[in-house]
Amino acid sequence: MKKILLLAIPALLTACGAQNKQIENADPLKYASSITPEELKEHLYIFASDEFEGRETGEPGQKKAAEYLKAEYKSLNIPSPIGGDDYYQEVPTSYFKRGNIKPTENVVAYIKGSEKPDEILVISSHYDHVGMDDEGNVFNGADDDGSGTVGILEIAEAFMQAKKDGYTPKRSILFLNVTGEEKGLVGSKFYTDEPIFPLANTVANLNIDMIGRIDPNHEGNNNYVYLIGSDKLSTELHELSETVNARTLKLDLDYTYNDENDPNRFYFRSDHYNFAKNNIPIIFYFNGVHADYHKITDTPDKINYEALAKRAQLVFLTAWEIANREERLVVDKAGDSGK
């Protein structure tokens, strides 16, 4: 019996070593290419349809959107970090400072890491929008933030395809679709106040808010994305982001809105900021502003699906690198309260 055990131990160690080599030898571009304009379009024409009634926080359309996300995660066999069939993190109505908001929830799904499961990478978007007007016109929110939300579904699917091939990420990944962003970043604030996983174990947040359009400053160019916040807390994160893009998609990374003196102050205006306030390195992916922002004309037919696919692929590839690098990202800069 002892001989058998002694023989088994080296075999086990060899198998573990092979698994480590596997993830390092995997081709992430293969899985990034599974994020396609066609699949994004199919998702978004449903998610930003009139059926979802503008996804107003707490209203029936938002509930339908939550159910859609839950069903998609279940179809991909991505479990909930809460357990069982519960993919909802309930957000107390007491968190909302204005109006009588009905009960609402973040939608969460989770891939457990193979080697460093206690270290968490959060990929986030907000799935709420602004509802309907008094005349019944629907604010579909195709870009804001239907684009980021369906991007996360495709990113999640890409990671699951890699996992099926034996390439489970070393670190765990939480897919966080937050509610109440339009009400003051409420869903993400609740998550960072009452995290499912300790914030001390959260290595980074990649936040996607509006990545489906081309702004006037880049007319005719679907090969760009604005990056905000990548260098605010971690030099390593910024350098990693630049390196991944340079060796893969080669998008034009525009840092215009990353300027501390930019009057738009976008760094403080989406869900990543609640992570940044807690000294968690972030990147905010953004396509810039356009004439349809918060109007009933923000519809799926206006989306540039090639651009949406490229940007979602970049988020995936950056997430892959963060999740699989040997050491977690170092926070080497002081946070900014933004006050």
C-alpha atoms as a PDB file:
ATOM      1  CA  MET A   1       0.000   0.000   0.000  1.00  0.00           C
ATOM      2  CA  LYS A   2       2.818   2.408   0.851  1.00  0.00           C
ATOM      3  CA  LYS A   3       4.444   1.798  -2.526  1.00  0.00           C
ATOM      4  CA  ILE A   4       1.188   2.603  -4.317  1.00  0.00           C
ATOM      5  CA  LEU A   5       0.796   5.830  -2.345  1.00  0.00           C
ATOM      6  CA  LEU A   6       4.367   6.870  -3.026  1.00  0.00           C
ATOM      7  CA  LEU A   7       3.845   6.292  -6.721  1.00  0.00           C
ATOM      8  CA  ALA A   8       0.562   8.198  -6.666  1.00  0.00           C
ATOM      9  CA  ILE A   9       1.980  11.336  -5.091  1.00  0.00           C
ATOM     10  CA  PRO A  10       4.449  12.155  -7.909  1.00  0.00           C
ATOM     11  CA  ALA A  11       1.738  11.381 -10.445  1.00  0.00           C
ATOM     12  CA  LEU A  12      -0.585  13.835  -8.718  1.00  0.00           C
ATOM     13  CA  LEU A  13       2.103  16.501  -8.621  1.00  0.00           C
ATOM     14  CA  THR A  14       2.803  15.951 -12.316  1.00  0.00           C
ATOM     15  CA  ALA A  15      -0.892  16.339 -13.114  1.00  0.00           C
ATOM     16  CA  CYS A  16      -1.051  19.593 -11.153  1.00  0.00           C
ATOM     17  CA  GLY A  17       2.020  20.864 -12.950  1.00  0.00           C
ATOM     18  CA  ALA A  18       0.467  19.982 -16.287  1.00  0.00           C
ATOM     19  CA  GLN A  19      -2.620  21.947 -15.373  1.00  0.00           C
ATOM     20  CA  ASN A  20      -0.482  25.003 -14.568  1.00  0.00           C
ATOM     21  CA  LYS A  21       1.251  24.694 -17.914  1.00  0.00           C
ATOM     22  CA  GLN A  22      -2.086  24.326 -19.660  1.00  0.00           C
ATOM     23  CA  ILE A  23      -3.464  27.699 -18.614  1.00  0.00           C
ATOM     24  CA  GLU A  24      -0.157  29.390 -19.469  1.00  0.00           C
ATOM     25  CA  ASN A  25      -0.024  27.711 -22.855  1.00  0.00           C
ATOM     26  CA  ALA A  26      -3.653  28.377 -23.729  1.00  0.00           C
ATOM     27  CA  ASP A  27      -4.417  30.835 -26.524  1.00  0.00           C
ATOM     28  CA  PRO A  28      -6.779  33.465 -25.065  1.00  0.00           C
ATOM     29  CA  LEU A  29      -7.351  34.920 -28.533  1.00  0.00           C
ATOM     30  CA  LYS A  30      -9.134  31.704 -29.454  1.00  0.00           C
ATOM     31  CA  TYR A  31     -11.685  32.348 -26.724  1.00  0.00           C
ATOM     32  CA  ALA A  32     -11.833  36.088 -27.327  1.00  0.00           C
ATOM     33  CA  SER A  33     -12.867  35.331 -30.919  1.00  0.00           C
ATOM     34  CA  SER A  34     -15.981  33.598 -29.582  1.00  0.00           C
ATOM     35  CA  ILE A  35     -17.259  37.084 -28.659  1.00  0.00           C
ATOM     36  CA  THR A  36     -18.954  37.950 -31.946  1.00  0.00           C
ATOM     37  CA  PRO A  37     -20.970  40.872 -33.304  1.00  0.00           C
ATOM     38  CA  GLU A  38     -23.752  38.452 -34.239  1.00  0.00           C
ATOM     39  CA  GLU A  39     -24.201  37.027 -30.739  1.00  0.00           C
ATOM     40  CA  LEU A  40     -23.970  40.463 -29.118  1.00  0.00           C
ATOM     41  CA  LYS A  41     -26.618  41.740 -31.509  1.00  0.00           C
ATOM     42  CA  GLU A  42     -28.910  38.808 -30.761  1.00  0.00           C
ATOM     43  CA  HIS A  43     -28.664  39.473 -27.025  1.00  0.00           C
ATOM     44  CA  LEU A  44     -29.065  43.236 -27.298  1.00  0.00           C
ATOM     45  CA  TYR A  45     -32.120  43.216 -29.537  1.00  0.00           C
ATOM     46  CA  ILE A  46     -33.819  41.281 -26.748  1.00  0.00           C
ATOM     47  CA  PHE A  47     -32.303  43.062 -23.751  1.00  0.00           C
ATOM     48  CA  ALA A  48     -32.937  46.577 -25.100  1.00  0.00           C
ATOM     49  CA  SER A  49     -36.380  45.794 -26.551  1.00  0.00           C
ATOM     50  CA  ASP A  50     -39.629  47.474 -25.539  1.00  0.00           C
ATOM     51  CA  GLU A  51     -40.533  44.292 -23.656  1.00  0.00           C
ATOM     52  CA  PHE A  52     -38.068  45.308 -20.949  1.00  0.00           C
ATOM     53  CA  GLU A  53     -39.785  48.698 -20.535  1.00  0.00           C
ATOM     54  CA  GLY A  54     -36.566  50.673 -20.105  1.00  0.00           C
ATOM     55  CA  ARG A  55     -35.339  48.582 -17.137  1.00  0.00           C
ATOM     56  CA  GLU A  56     -36.318  51.196 -14.532  1.00  0.00           C
ATOM     57  CA  THR A  57     -34.900  50.268 -11.114  1.00  0.00           C
ATOM     58  CA  GLY A  58     -37.390  48.148  -9.169  1.00  0.00           C
ATOM     59  CA  GLU A  59     -39.981  48.116 -11.957  1.00  0.00           C
ATOM     60  CA  PRO A  60     -41.271  45.081 -13.912  1.00  0.00           C
ATOM     61  CA  GLY A  61     -38.924  45.699 -16.867  1.00  0.00           C
ATOM     62  CA  GLN A  62     -35.883  45.582 -14.616  1.00  0.00           C
ATOM     63  CA  LYS A  63     -37.171  42.323 -13.118  1.00  0.00           C
ATOM     64  CA  LYS A  64     -37.508  40.863 -16.627  1.00  0.00           C
ATOM     65  CA  ALA A  65     -33.943  41.945 -17.368  1.00  0.00           C
ATOM     66  CA  ALA A  66     -32.710  40.282 -14.175  1.00  0.00           C
ATOM     67  CA  GLU A  67     -34.496  37.071 -15.123  1.00  0.00           C
ATOM     68  CA  TYR A  68     -32.937  37.200 -18.584  1.00  0.00           C
ATOM     69  CA  LEU A  69     -29.442  37.484 -17.100  1.00  0.00           C
ATOM     70  CA  LYS A  70     -30.090  34.695 -14.620  1.00  0.00           C
ATOM     71  CA  ALA A  71     -31.375  32.412 -17.378  1.00  0.00           C
ATOM     72  CA  GLU A  72     -28.311  33.119 -19.524  1.00  0.00           C
ATOM     73  CA  TYR A  73     -25.876  32.351 -16.704  1.00  0.00           C
ATOM     74  CA  LYS A  74     -27.743  29.135 -15.945  1.00  0.00           C
ATOM     75  CA  SER A  75     -27.684  28.116 -19.607  1.00  0.00           C
ATOM     76  CA  LEU A  76     -23.899  28.600 -19.558  1.00  0.00           C
ATOM     77  CA  ASN A  77     -23.650  26.475 -16.391  1.00  0.00           C
ATOM     78  CA  ILE A  78     -22.105  29.373 -14.489  1.00  0.00           C
ATOM     79  CA  PRO A  79     -23.183  29.050 -10.849  1.00  0.00           C
ATOM     80  CA  SER A  80     -24.228  31.706  -8.395  1.00  0.00           C
ATOM     81  CA  PRO A  81     -21.739  32.666  -5.670  1.00  0.00           C
ATOM     82  CA  ILE A  82     -24.698  32.911  -3.285  1.00  0.00           C
ATOM     83  CA  GLY A  83     -25.634  29.280  -3.781  1.00  0.00           C
ATOM     84  CA  GLY A  84     -28.327  27.193  -5.368  1.00  0.00           C
ATOM     85  CA  ASP A  85     -30.722  28.937  -7.741  1.00  0.00           C
ATOM     86  CA  ASP A  86     -30.283  32.353  -6.125  1.00  0.00           C
ATOM     87  CA  TYR A  87     -28.447  34.683  -8.504  1.00  0.00           C
ATOM     88  CA  TYR A  88     -29.795  37.851  -6.858  1.00  0.00           C
ATOM     89  CA  GLN A  89     -28.121  40.036  -4.275  1.00  0.00           C
ATOM     90  CA  GLU A  90     -31.027  41.997  -2.833  1.00  0.00           C
ATOM     91  CA  VAL A  91     -30.359  45.740  -2.488  1.00  0.00           C
ATOM     92  CA  PRO A  92     -32.283  47.344   0.414  1.00  0.00           C
ATOM     93  CA  THR A  93     -34.602  50.184  -0.556  1.00  0.00           C
ATOM     94  CA  SER A  94     -33.048  52.174   2.302  1.00  0.00           C
ATOM     95  CA  TYR A  95     -29.981  52.644   0.082  1.00  0.00           C
ATOM     96  CA  PHE A  96     -31.929  54.908  -2.279  1.00  0.00           C
ATOM     97  CA  LYS A  97     -31.988  58.600  -1.391  1.00  0.00           C
ATOM     98  CA  ARG A  98     -34.781  59.654  -3.777  1.00  0.00           C
ATOM     99  CA  GLY A  99     -38.311  58.541  -4.527  1.00  0.00           C
ATOM    100  CA  ASN A 100     -40.084  55.387  -3.550  1.00  0.00           C
ATOM    101  CA  ILE A 101     -37.878  52.750  -5.141  1.00  0.00           C
ATOM    102  CA  LYS A 102     -39.290  49.250  -5.178  1.00  0.00           C
ATOM    103  CA  PRO A 103     -37.164  46.253  -4.134  1.00  0.00           C
ATOM    104  CA  THR A 104     -34.346  45.566  -6.579  1.00  0.00           C
ATOM    105  CA  GLU A 105     -31.311  43.346  -6.943  1.00  0.00           C
ATOM    106  CA  ASN A 106     -27.850  42.891  -8.370  1.00  0.00           C
ATOM    107  CA  VAL A 107     -27.394  39.802 -10.550  1.00  0.00           C
ATOM    108  CA  VAL A 108     -24.273  37.763  -9.802  1.00  0.00           C
ATOM    109  CA  ALA A 109     -22.539  34.721 -11.299  1.00  0.00           C
ATOM    110  CA  TYR A 110     -19.176  33.177 -10.538  1.00  0.00           C
ATOM    111  CA  ILE A 111     -16.359  31.035 -11.925  1.00  0.00           C
ATOM    112  CA  LYS A 112     -14.197  29.607  -9.149  1.00  0.00           C
ATOM    113  CA  GLY A 113     -10.464  29.880  -9.688  1.00  0.00           C
ATOM    114  CA  SER A 114      -8.296  26.781 -10.001  1.00  0.00           C
ATOM    115  CA  GLU A 115      -5.234  27.899  -8.031  1.00  0.00           C
ATOM    116  CA  LYS A 116      -6.081  31.138  -6.215  1.00  0.00           C
ATOM    117  CA  PRO A 117      -9.845  30.811  -5.678  1.00  0.00           C
ATOM    118  CA  ASP A 118      -9.899  33.290  -2.784  1.00  0.00           C
ATOM    119  CA  GLU A 119      -8.634  36.096  -5.022  1.00  0.00           C
ATOM    120  CA  ILE A 120     -11.487  37.686  -6.970  1.00  0.00           C
ATOM    121  CA  LEU A 121     -11.612  39.662 -10.208  1.00  0.00           C
ATOM    122  CA  VAL A 122     -14.908  41.545 -10.592  1.00  0.00           C
ATOM    123  CA  ILE A 123     -16.231  42.308 -14.077  1.00  0.00           C
ATOM    124  CA  SER A 124     -19.179  44.694 -13.817  1.00  0.00           C
ATOM    125  CA  SER A 125     -21.853  46.565 -15.731  1.00  0.00           C
ATOM    126  CA  HIS A 126     -25.167  48.126 -14.752  1.00  0.00           C
ATOM    127  CA  TYR A 127     -28.285  46.615 -16.272  1.00  0.00           C
ATOM    128  CA  ASP A 128     -30.834  49.214 -15.147  1.00  0.00           C
ATOM    129  CA  HIS A 129     -31.873  52.213 -17.236  1.00  0.00           C
ATOM    130  CA  VAL A 130     -34.406  55.054 -16.918  1.00  0.00           C
ATOM    131  CA  GLY A 131     -37.694  53.394 -17.827  1.00  0.00           C
ATOM    132  CA  MET A 132     -40.503  55.093 -19.754  1.00  0.00           C
ATOM    133  CA  ASP A 133     -41.880  58.617 -20.002  1.00  0.00           C
ATOM    134  CA  ASP A 134     -45.424  59.690 -19.140  1.00  0.00           C
ATOM    135  CA  GLU A 135     -46.567  59.004 -22.700  1.00  0.00           C
ATOM    136  CA  GLY A 136     -45.318  55.411 -22.633  1.00  0.00           C
ATOM    137  CA  ASN A 137     -42.214  55.944 -24.745  1.00  0.00           C
ATOM    138  CA  VAL A 138     -39.534  53.415 -23.803  1.00  0.00           C
ATOM    139  CA  PHE A 139     -35.959  54.438 -23.067  1.00  0.00           C
ATOM    140  CA  ASN A 140     -34.355  51.253 -24.367  1.00  0.00           C
ATOM    141  CA  GLY A 141     -30.826  52.004 -23.138  1.00  0.00           C
ATOM    142  CA  ALA A 142     -29.163  49.930 -25.832  1.00  0.00           C
ATOM    143  CA  ASP A 143     -25.800  51.599 -25.305  1.00  0.00           C
ATOM    144  CA  ASP A 144     -26.422  52.687 -21.694  1.00  0.00           C
ATOM    145  CA  ASP A 145     -25.758  50.051 -20.531  1.00  0.00           C
ATOM    146  CA  GLY A 146     -27.253  47.269 -22.557  1.00  0.00           C
ATOM    147  CA  SER A 147     -23.975  47.169 -24.475  1.00  0.00           C
ATOM    148  CA  GLY A 148     -21.875  46.534 -21.386  1.00  0.00           C
ATOM    149  CA  THR A 149     -24.325  44.013 -20.003  1.00  0.00           C
ATOM    150  CA  VAL A 150     -24.471  41.821 -23.108  1.00  0.00           C
ATOM    151  CA  GLY A 151     -20.703  42.223 -23.360  1.00  0.00           C
ATOM    152  CA  ILE A 152     -20.398  40.600 -19.934  1.00  0.00           C
ATOM    153  CA  LEU A 153     -22.595  37.695 -21.027  1.00  0.00           C
ATOM    154  CA  GLU A 154     -20.278  37.052 -23.959  1.00  0.00           C
ATOM    155  CA  ILE A 155     -17.172  37.440 -21.782  1.00  0.00           C
ATOM    156  CA  ALA A 156     -18.627  34.937 -19.321  1.00  0.00           C
ATOM    157  CA  GLU A 157     -19.327  32.510 -22.167  1.00  0.00           C
ATOM    158  CA  ALA A 158     -15.741  32.857 -23.421  1.00  0.00           C
ATOM    159  CA  PHE A 159     -14.343  32.010 -19.983  1.00  0.00           C
ATOM    160  CA  MET A 160     -16.644  28.999 -19.772  1.00  0.00           C
ATOM    161  CA  GLN A 161     -15.501  27.752 -23.162  1.00  0.00           C
ATOM    162  CA  ALA A 162     -11.918  27.939 -21.908  1.00  0.00           C
ATOM    163  CA  LYS A 163     -12.903  26.118 -18.730  1.00  0.00           C
ATOM    164  CA  LYS A 164     -14.520  23.319 -20.742  1.00  0.00           C
ATOM    165  CA  ASP A 165     -11.209  22.926 -22.576  1.00  0.00           C
ATOM    166  CA  GLY A 166      -9.431  22.543 -19.234  1.00  0.00           C
ATOM    167  CA  TYR A 167      -8.291  26.165 -18.878  1.00  0.00           C
ATOM    168  CA  THR A 168      -9.991  27.313 -15.666  1.00  0.00           C
ATOM    169  CA  PRO A 169      -8.688  30.756 -14.620  1.00  0.00           C
ATOM    170  CA  LYS A 170      -6.302  30.726 -11.672  1.00  0.00           C
ATOM    171  CA  ARG A 171      -8.272  33.405  -9.843  1.00  0.00           C
ATOM    172  CA  SER A 172     -12.017  33.492  -9.375  1.00  0.00           C
ATOM    173  CA  ILE A 173     -14.161  35.771 -11.528  1.00  0.00           C
ATOM    174  CA  LEU A 174     -17.346  37.442 -10.336  1.00  0.00           C
ATOM    175  CA  PHE A 175     -19.710  38.685 -13.030  1.00  0.00           C
ATOM    176  CA  LEU A 176     -21.556  41.546 -11.346  1.00  0.00           C
ATOM    177  CA  ASN A 177     -24.570  43.114 -13.069  1.00  0.00           C
ATOM    178  CA  VAL A 178     -25.592  45.952 -10.784  1.00  0.00           C
ATOM    179  CA  THR A 179     -28.906  47.685 -10.367  1.00  0.00           C
ATOM    180  CA  GLY A 180     -29.567  51.320  -9.481  1.00  0.00           C
ATOM    181  CA  GLU A 181     -26.627  52.904 -11.295  1.00  0.00           C
ATOM    182  CA  GLU A 182     -28.977  55.502 -12.733  1.00  0.00           C
ATOM    183  CA  LYS A 183     -30.119  56.280  -9.175  1.00  0.00           C
ATOM    184  CA  GLY A 184     -26.641  57.141  -7.946  1.00  0.00           C
ATOM    185  CA  LEU A 185     -24.401  54.060  -8.280  1.00  0.00           C
ATOM    186  CA  VAL A 186     -26.542  52.370  -5.647  1.00  0.00           C
ATOM    187  CA  GLY A 187     -26.167  48.695  -6.559  1.00  0.00           C
ATOM    188  CA  SER A 188     -22.373  48.865  -6.680  1.00  0.00           C
ATOM    189  CA  LYS A 189     -22.281  50.836  -3.427  1.00  0.00           C
ATOM    190  CA  PHE A 190     -24.304  48.123  -1.752  1.00  0.00           C
ATOM    191  CA  TYR A 191     -22.012  45.443  -3.147  1.00  0.00           C
ATOM    192  CA  THR A 192     -18.890  47.174  -1.822  1.00  0.00           C
ATOM    193  CA  ASP A 193     -20.584  47.795   1.551  1.00  0.00           C
ATOM    194  CA  GLU A 194     -21.845  44.205   1.788  1.00  0.00           C
ATOM    195  CA  PRO A 195     -19.558  42.236  -0.544  1.00  0.00           C
ATOM    196  CA  ILE A 196     -20.156  38.602  -1.350  1.00  0.00           C
ATOM    197  CA  PHE A 197     -16.379  38.142  -1.278  1.00  0.00           C
ATOM    198  CA  PRO A 198     -14.099  40.232   0.985  1.00  0.00           C
ATOM    199  CA  LEU A 199     -12.915  43.435  -0.642  1.00  0.00           C
ATOM    200  CA  ALA A 200      -9.435  42.657   0.675  1.00  0.00           C
ATOM    201  CA  ASN A 201      -9.444  39.644  -1.673  1.00  0.00           C
ATOM    202  CA  THR A 202     -10.726  41.604  -4.689  1.00  0.00           C
ATOM    203  CA  VAL A 203      -7.769  42.132  -7.012  1.00  0.00           C
ATOM    204  CA  ALA A 204      -9.398  44.448  -9.583  1.00  0.00           C
ATOM    205  CA  ASN A 205     -12.653  45.654 -11.110  1.00  0.00           C
ATOM    206  CA  LEU A 206     -13.153  45.959 -14.861  1.00  0.00           C
ATOM    207  CA  ASN A 207     -16.288  48.048 -15.387  1.00  0.00           C
ATOM    208  CA  ILE A 208     -18.097  48.368 -18.716  1.00  0.00           C
ATOM    209  CA  ASP A 209     -20.552  51.233 -19.202  1.00  0.00           C
ATOM    210  CA  MET A 210     -21.474  52.150 -22.802  1.00  0.00           C
ATOM    211  CA  ILE A 211     -19.229  50.397 -25.337  1.00  0.00           C
ATOM    212  CA  GLY A 212     -21.514  50.097 -28.365  1.00  0.00           C
ATOM    213  CA  ARG A 213     -21.313  53.429 -30.162  1.00  0.00           C
ATOM    214  CA  ILE A 214     -18.865  55.699 -31.983  1.00  0.00           C
ATOM    215  CA  ASP A 215     -18.654  59.216 -30.588  1.00  0.00           C
ATOM    216  CA  PRO A 216     -18.223  62.350 -32.763  1.00  0.00           C
ATOM    217  CA  ASN A 217     -14.518  62.562 -31.905  1.00  0.00           C
ATOM    218  CA  HIS A 218     -13.883  59.193 -33.603  1.00  0.00           C
ATOM    219  CA  GLU A 219     -16.287  59.305 -36.511  1.00  0.00           C
ATOM    220  CA  GLY A 220     -15.513  56.514 -38.968  1.00  0.00           C
ATOM    221  CA  ASN A 221     -13.223  54.700 -36.501  1.00  0.00           C
ATOM    222  CA  ASN A 222     -14.588  51.651 -34.716  1.00  0.00           C
ATOM    223  CA  ASN A 223     -11.132  50.671 -33.484  1.00  0.00           C
ATOM    224  CA  TYR A 224     -10.948  52.785 -30.311  1.00  0.00           C
ATOM    225  CA  VAL A 225     -12.125  52.780 -26.714  1.00  0.00           C
ATOM    226  CA  TYR A 226     -11.807  55.283 -23.904  1.00  0.00           C
ATOM    227  CA  LEU A 227     -10.001  53.956 -20.836  1.00  0.00           C
ATOM    228  CA  ILE A 228     -10.513  55.699 -17.529  1.00  0.00           C
ATOM    229  CA  GLY A 229      -8.841  55.006 -14.208  1.00  0.00           C
ATOM    230  CA  SER A 230      -6.331  52.320 -15.215  1.00  0.00           C
ATOM    231  CA  ASP A 231      -3.404  54.267 -13.739  1.00  0.00           C
ATOM    232  CA  LYS A 232      -5.122  55.758 -10.688  1.00  0.00           C
ATOM    233  CA  LEU A 233      -4.251  53.055  -8.167  1.00  0.00           C
ATOM    234  CA  SER A 234      -1.955  50.508  -9.801  1.00  0.00           C
ATOM    235  CA  THR A 235       0.918  51.113 -12.189  1.00  0.00           C
ATOM    236  CA  GLU A 236       0.920  47.382 -12.915  1.00  0.00           C
ATOM    237  CA  LEU A 237      -2.714  47.407 -14.032  1.00  0.00           C
ATOM    238  CA  HIS A 238      -2.120  50.255 -16.472  1.00  0.00           C
ATOM    239  CA  GLU A 239       0.973  48.587 -17.913  1.00  0.00           C
ATOM    240  CA  LEU A 240      -0.787  45.213 -18.133  1.00  0.00           C
ATOM    241  CA  SER A 241      -3.702  46.806 -19.968  1.00  0.00           C
ATOM    242  CA  GLU A 242      -1.415  48.521 -22.461  1.00  0.00           C
ATOM    243  CA  THR A 243       0.622  45.365 -23.048  1.00  0.00           C
ATOM    244  CA  VAL A 244      -2.401  43.137 -23.613  1.00  0.00           C
ATOM    245  CA  ASN A 245      -3.844  45.549 -26.154  1.00  0.00           C
ATOM    246  CA  ALA A 246      -0.512  46.026 -27.953  1.00  0.00           C
ATOM    247  CA  ARG A 247       0.026  42.314 -28.469  1.00  0.00           C
ATOM    248  CA  THR A 248      -3.560  41.475 -29.422  1.00  0.00           C
ATOM    249  CA  LEU A 249      -6.240  43.838 -30.731  1.00  0.00           C
ATOM    250  CA  LYS A 250      -4.227  47.046 -31.052  1.00  0.00           C
ATOM    251  CA  LEU A 251      -7.192  49.317 -30.386  1.00  0.00           C
ATOM    252  CA  ASP A 252      -6.626  53.056 -30.093  1.00  0.00           C
ATOM    253  CA  LEU A 253      -6.699  53.554 -26.314  1.00  0.00           C
ATOM    254  CA  ASP A 254      -7.975  57.074 -25.713  1.00  0.00           C
ATOM    255  CA  TYR A 255      -7.209  58.557 -22.285  1.00  0.00           C
ATOM    256  CA  THR A 256      -8.894  61.918 -22.861  1.00  0.00           C
ATOM    257  CA  TYR A 257     -11.393  61.399 -20.040  1.00  0.00           C
ATOM    258  CA  ASN A 258      -8.733  60.048 -17.692  1.00  0.00           C
ATOM    259  CA  ASP A 259      -7.361  63.576 -17.265  1.00  0.00           C
ATOM    260  CA  GLU A 260      -7.905  64.740 -13.686  1.00  0.00           C
ATOM    261  CA  ASN A 261      -8.922  68.141 -15.050  1.00  0.00           C
ATOM    262  CA  ASP A 262     -11.524  66.787 -17.460  1.00  0.00           C
ATOM    263  CA  PRO A 263     -14.795  68.580 -16.629  1.00  0.00           C
ATOM    264  CA  ASN A 264     -16.925  65.485 -17.312  1.00  0.00           C
ATOM    265  CA  ARG A 265     -15.426  63.682 -14.297  1.00  0.00           C
ATOM    266  CA  PHE A 266     -16.410  60.295 -15.700  1.00  0.00           C
ATOM    267  CA  TYR A 267     -14.040  58.584 -13.273  1.00  0.00           C
ATOM    268  CA  PHE A 268     -16.532  59.344 -10.525  1.00  0.00           C
ATOM    269  CA  ARG A 269     -19.700  58.586 -12.490  1.00  0.00           C
ATOM    270  CA  SER A 270     -19.937  54.838 -12.976  1.00  0.00           C
ATOM    271  CA  ASP A 271     -19.892  51.758 -10.782  1.00  0.00           C
ATOM    272  CA  HIS A 272     -16.132  51.206 -10.788  1.00  0.00           C
ATOM    273  CA  TYR A 273     -15.805  54.227  -8.507  1.00  0.00           C
ATOM    274  CA  ASN A 274     -17.227  52.377  -5.514  1.00  0.00           C
ATOM    275  CA  PHE A 275     -14.411  49.855  -5.940  1.00  0.00           C
ATOM    276  CA  ALA A 276     -11.786  52.563  -6.448  1.00  0.00           C
ATOM    277  CA  LYS A 277     -12.922  54.240  -3.211  1.00  0.00           C
ATOM    278  CA  ASN A 278     -11.933  50.997  -1.512  1.00  0.00           C
ATOM    279  CA  ASN A 279      -8.438  50.995  -3.081  1.00  0.00           C
ATOM    280  CA  ILE A 280      -9.291  48.300  -5.603  1.00  0.00           C
ATOM    281  CA  PRO A 281      -7.624  48.940  -8.997  1.00  0.00           C
ATOM    282  CA  ILE A 282     -10.137  49.576 -11.771  1.00  0.00           C
ATOM    283  CA  ILE A 283     -10.492  50.153 -15.483  1.00  0.00           C
ATOM    284  CA  PHE A 284     -13.597  51.845 -16.867  1.00  0.00           C
ATOM    285  CA  TYR A 285     -14.306  51.033 -20.559  1.00  0.00           C
ATOM    286  CA  PHE A 286     -16.374  53.668 -22.367  1.00  0.00           C
ATOM    287  CA  ASN A 287     -17.246  54.732 -25.923  1.00  0.00           C
ATOM    288  CA  GLY A 288     -17.812  58.413 -25.159  1.00  0.00           C
ATOM    289  CA  VAL A 289     -20.953  60.502 -25.284  1.00  0.00           C
ATOM    290  CA  HIS A 290     -23.398  60.783 -28.161  1.00  0.00           C
ATOM    291  CA  ALA A 291     -26.655  62.555 -29.025  1.00  0.00           C
ATOM    292  CA  ASP A 292     -28.842  59.588 -28.003  1.00  0.00           C
ATOM    293  CA  TYR A 293     -27.613  59.430 -24.399  1.00  0.00           C
ATOM    294  CA  HIS A 294     -30.633  59.087 -22.062  1.00  0.00           C
ATOM    295  CA  LYS A 295     -33.053  59.547 -24.939  1.00  0.00           C
ATOM    296  CA  ILE A 296     -35.634  57.227 -26.475  1.00  0.00           C
ATOM    297  CA  THR A 297     -33.361  57.069 -29.526  1.00  0.00           C
ATOM    298  CA  ASP A 298     -30.738  54.941 -27.717  1.00  0.00           C
ATOM    299  CA  THR A 299     -31.887  51.840 -29.593  1.00  0.00           C
ATOM    300  CA  PRO A 300     -30.197  48.591 -30.734  1.00  0.00           C
ATOM    301  CA  ASP A 301     -30.152  49.608 -34.407  1.00  0.00           C
ATOM    302  CA  LYS A 302     -27.730  52.447 -33.563  1.00  0.00           C
ATOM    303  CA  ILE A 303     -25.104  50.106 -32.106  1.00  0.00           C
ATOM    304  CA  ASN A 304     -21.860  49.422 -33.973  1.00  0.00           C
ATOM    305  CA  TYR A 305     -21.612  45.706 -33.252  1.00  0.00           C
ATOM    306  CA  GLU A 306     -18.099  45.353 -34.660  1.00  0.00           C
ATOM    307  CA  ALA A 307     -16.884  47.980 -32.196  1.00  0.00           C
ATOM    308  CA  LEU A 308     -18.870  46.389 -29.380  1.00  0.00           C
ATOM    309  CA  ALA A 309     -17.252  43.009 -30.091  1.00  0.00           C
ATOM    310  CA  LYS A 310     -13.719  44.421 -30.192  1.00  0.00           C
ATOM    311  CA  ARG A 311     -14.179  46.245 -26.899  1.00  0.00           C
ATOM    312  CA  ALA A 312     -15.699  43.231 -25.169  1.00  0.00           C
ATOM    313  CA  GLN A 313     -12.822  41.116 -26.482  1.00  0.00           C
ATOM    314  CA  LEU A 314     -10.338  43.587 -24.996  1.00  0.00           C
ATOM    315  CA  VAL A 315     -12.042  43.362 -21.600  1.00  0.00           C
ATOM    316  CA  PHE A 316     -11.904  39.559 -21.822  1.00  0.00           C
ATOM    317  CA  LEU A 317      -8.219  39.514 -22.759  1.00  0.00           C
ATOM    318  CA  THR A 318      -7.349  41.961 -19.978  1.00  0.00           C
ATOM    319  CA  ALA A 319      -9.381  39.905 -17.502  1.00  0.00           C
ATOM    320  CA  TRP A 320      -7.601  36.744 -18.664  1.00  0.00           C
ATOM    321  CA  GLU A 321      -4.222  38.305 -17.928  1.00  0.00           C
ATOM    322  CA  ILE A 322      -5.264  39.592 -14.493  1.00  0.00           C
ATOM    323  CA  ALA A 323      -6.845  36.281 -13.545  1.00  0.00           C
ATOM    324  CA  ASN A 324      -3.876  34.159 -14.613  1.00  0.00           C
ATOM    325  CA  ARG A 325      -0.769  36.187 -13.727  1.00  0.00           C
ATOM    326  CA  GLU A 326       1.419  34.786 -10.983  1.00  0.00           C
ATOM    327  CA  GLU A 327       1.079  37.656  -8.504  1.00  0.00           C
ATOM    328  CA  ARG A 328      -1.944  39.813  -7.765  1.00  0.00           C
ATOM    329  CA  LEU A 329      -1.786  43.433  -8.881  1.00  0.00           C
ATOM    330  CA  VAL A 330       0.101  45.783  -6.588  1.00  0.00           C
ATOM    331  CA  VAL A 331      -1.670  48.934  -5.399  1.00  0.00           C
ATOM    332  CA  ASP A 332       1.099  51.543  -5.413  1.00  0.00           C
ATOM    333  CA  LYS A 333      -0.825  54.801  -5.602  1.00  0.00           C
ATOM    334  CA  ALA A 334      -3.042  56.669  -3.176  1.00  0.00           C
ATOM    335  CA  GLY A 335      -6.764  56.726  -3.883  1.00  0.00           C
ATOM    336  CA  ASP A 336      -8.722  59.865  -4.731  1.00  0.00           C
ATOM    337  CA  SER A 337     -11.877  60.627  -2.757  1.00  0.00           C
ATOM    338  CA  GLY A 338     -13.210  62.747  -5.600  1.00  0.00           C
ATOM    339  CA  LYS A 339     -14.732  65.266  -3.227  1.00  0.00           C
END
